[in-house]
N, C-alpha and C. Protein backbone atom coordinates (compact mmCIF):
# COMPACT_ATOMS: atom_id res chain seq x y z
N MET A 1 56.77 198.60 210.34
CA MET A 1 57.21 197.34 211.17
C MET A 1 56.45 196.46 211.22
N LYS A 2 57.08 195.18 211.20
CA LYS A 2 56.22 193.77 211.68
C LYS A 2 56.71 193.15 212.67
N PHE A 3 55.68 192.60 213.72
CA PHE A 3 56.24 191.46 214.86
C PHE A 3 55.35 190.71 214.79
N ARG A 4 56.32 189.50 215.38
CA ARG A 4 55.34 188.00 215.26
C ARG A 4 54.58 187.86 216.62
N VAL A 5 53.81 187.30 216.56
CA VAL A 5 52.68 187.16 217.68
C VAL A 5 52.18 186.00 218.01
N VAL A 6 52.79 185.50 219.12
CA VAL A 6 52.43 183.80 219.35
C VAL A 6 51.24 183.81 220.21
N VAL A 7 50.20 183.30 219.81
CA VAL A 7 48.62 183.15 220.68
C VAL A 7 48.71 181.71 220.94
N LYS A 8 48.17 181.41 222.29
CA LYS A 8 47.95 180.14 222.54
C LYS A 8 47.04 180.06 223.58
N LYS A 9 46.06 178.91 223.65
CA LYS A 9 45.12 178.63 224.45
C LYS A 9 45.12 178.17 225.70
N ASP A 10 45.29 178.75 226.99
CA ASP A 10 45.52 178.05 228.32
C ASP A 10 44.22 177.26 228.87
N LYS A 11 44.54 175.79 228.69
CA LYS A 11 43.24 174.66 228.98
C LYS A 11 42.82 175.11 230.56
N LEU A 12 43.79 175.70 231.17
CA LEU A 12 43.33 175.54 232.55
C LEU A 12 42.55 176.68 232.95
N THR A 13 42.67 177.81 232.33
CA THR A 13 41.80 179.09 232.56
C THR A 13 40.93 179.31 231.38
N ASP A 14 40.86 178.61 230.22
CA ASP A 14 40.26 178.65 229.10
C ASP A 14 40.41 179.99 228.44
N ARG A 15 41.39 180.69 228.81
CA ARG A 15 41.66 181.82 228.36
C ARG A 15 42.82 182.11 227.16
N TRP A 16 43.05 183.21 226.44
CA TRP A 16 43.70 183.16 225.24
C TRP A 16 44.92 184.13 225.67
N SER A 17 46.33 183.54 225.84
CA SER A 17 47.52 184.67 225.43
C SER A 17 48.10 185.04 224.25
N ALA A 18 48.58 186.14 224.47
CA ALA A 18 49.50 186.46 223.04
C ALA A 18 50.78 187.48 223.43
N VAL A 19 51.76 186.71 222.96
CA VAL A 19 52.97 187.32 223.47
C VAL A 19 53.71 187.41 222.12
N PHE A 20 54.63 188.72 222.23
CA PHE A 20 55.84 189.26 221.14
C PHE A 20 57.14 188.73 221.62
N PRO A 21 57.57 187.43 220.99
CA PRO A 21 58.74 186.90 221.64
C PRO A 21 59.89 187.88 221.24
N GLU A 22 60.23 188.86 220.26
CA GLU A 22 60.94 189.62 220.44
C GLU A 22 61.07 190.94 221.14
N VAL A 23 59.70 191.39 221.56
CA VAL A 23 59.64 192.46 222.51
C VAL A 23 59.52 192.27 223.70
N PRO A 24 60.69 192.11 224.54
CA PRO A 24 60.58 191.81 226.21
C PRO A 24 59.51 192.58 226.69
N GLY A 25 58.75 191.51 227.57
CA GLY A 25 57.57 192.08 228.37
C GLY A 25 56.59 192.66 227.76
N CYS A 26 56.07 192.56 226.48
CA CYS A 26 54.91 192.59 225.98
C CYS A 26 54.28 191.63 225.85
N ALA A 27 53.22 191.46 226.15
CA ALA A 27 52.25 190.40 226.15
C ALA A 27 50.84 190.83 226.60
N SER A 28 49.66 189.92 226.14
CA SER A 28 48.17 190.41 226.60
C SER A 28 47.70 189.23 226.81
N ALA A 29 46.31 188.97 226.66
CA ALA A 29 45.74 188.16 226.88
C ALA A 29 43.66 188.61 226.77
N GLY A 30 42.94 187.28 226.78
CA GLY A 30 41.83 187.80 226.51
C GLY A 30 41.36 186.52 226.39
N ASP A 31 39.64 186.75 226.57
CA ASP A 31 38.68 185.82 226.81
C ASP A 31 38.54 184.76 225.33
N THR A 32 38.51 185.18 224.43
CA THR A 32 38.54 184.72 222.82
C THR A 32 40.11 185.01 222.05
N GLU A 33 40.43 184.47 221.42
CA GLU A 33 41.62 184.66 220.09
C GLU A 33 41.48 186.22 219.59
N ALA A 34 40.58 186.33 219.34
CA ALA A 34 40.38 187.82 218.39
C ALA A 34 40.77 188.54 219.48
N GLU A 35 40.04 188.79 221.01
CA GLU A 35 40.26 189.61 221.91
C GLU A 35 41.76 189.67 222.30
N ALA A 36 42.27 188.56 222.48
CA ALA A 36 43.97 188.51 222.94
C ALA A 36 44.76 189.09 221.81
N VAL A 37 44.39 188.95 220.56
CA VAL A 37 45.12 189.56 219.48
C VAL A 37 44.85 191.08 219.62
N GLU A 38 43.95 191.48 219.78
CA GLU A 38 43.52 193.05 219.75
C GLU A 38 44.06 193.64 220.98
N ASN A 39 43.85 192.88 221.96
CA ASN A 39 44.45 193.59 223.44
C ASN A 39 46.04 193.48 223.19
N ALA A 40 46.56 192.50 222.32
CA ALA A 40 48.34 192.79 221.80
C ALA A 40 48.59 193.62 220.99
N ARG A 41 47.73 194.02 219.90
CA ARG A 41 48.33 195.08 219.18
C ARG A 41 48.42 196.34 220.18
N GLU A 42 47.06 196.75 221.07
CA GLU A 42 47.30 197.69 221.71
C GLU A 42 48.39 197.93 222.99
N ALA A 43 48.84 196.66 223.61
CA ALA A 43 49.75 196.57 224.33
C ALA A 43 51.30 196.66 223.61
N LEU A 44 51.18 196.46 222.30
CA LEU A 44 52.46 196.64 221.16
C LEU A 44 52.61 198.10 221.18
N SER A 45 51.56 198.78 221.03
CA SER A 45 51.35 200.05 220.49
C SER A 45 51.62 201.29 221.86
N LEU A 46 51.44 200.59 223.19
CA LEU A 46 52.03 201.39 224.45
C LEU A 46 53.29 201.24 224.52
N TRP A 47 53.83 199.81 224.46
CA TRP A 47 55.28 199.36 224.26
C TRP A 47 56.14 200.27 223.65
N LEU A 48 55.89 200.68 222.19
CA LEU A 48 56.55 201.54 221.52
C LEU A 48 56.35 202.87 221.68
N LYS A 49 55.78 203.26 222.39
CA LYS A 49 55.17 204.87 222.50
C LYS A 49 56.24 205.21 223.09
N PRO A 50 56.96 206.34 222.76
CA PRO A 50 58.00 207.23 223.65
C PRO A 50 57.81 207.53 224.95
N SER A 51 58.49 207.47 225.89
CA SER A 51 58.27 207.79 226.94
C SER A 51 58.43 209.32 227.05
N LYS A 52 58.21 209.95 228.50
CA LYS A 52 58.50 211.49 228.49
C LYS A 52 59.19 211.49 229.81
N ILE A 53 60.23 211.02 229.66
CA ILE A 53 61.50 211.15 230.47
C ILE A 53 62.38 212.26 230.38
């Protein structure tokens, strides 16, 4: 399964954000573009992980 990720640099904080538009609430950030993408992959993995309810 593939998901689109939107990566943008915030000029005010000088940090990068990574958001999955089709996955509500699944987003991350990082000091570099690569770090933001890596953190986003981890966030998506956790978002898709089944809960133990």
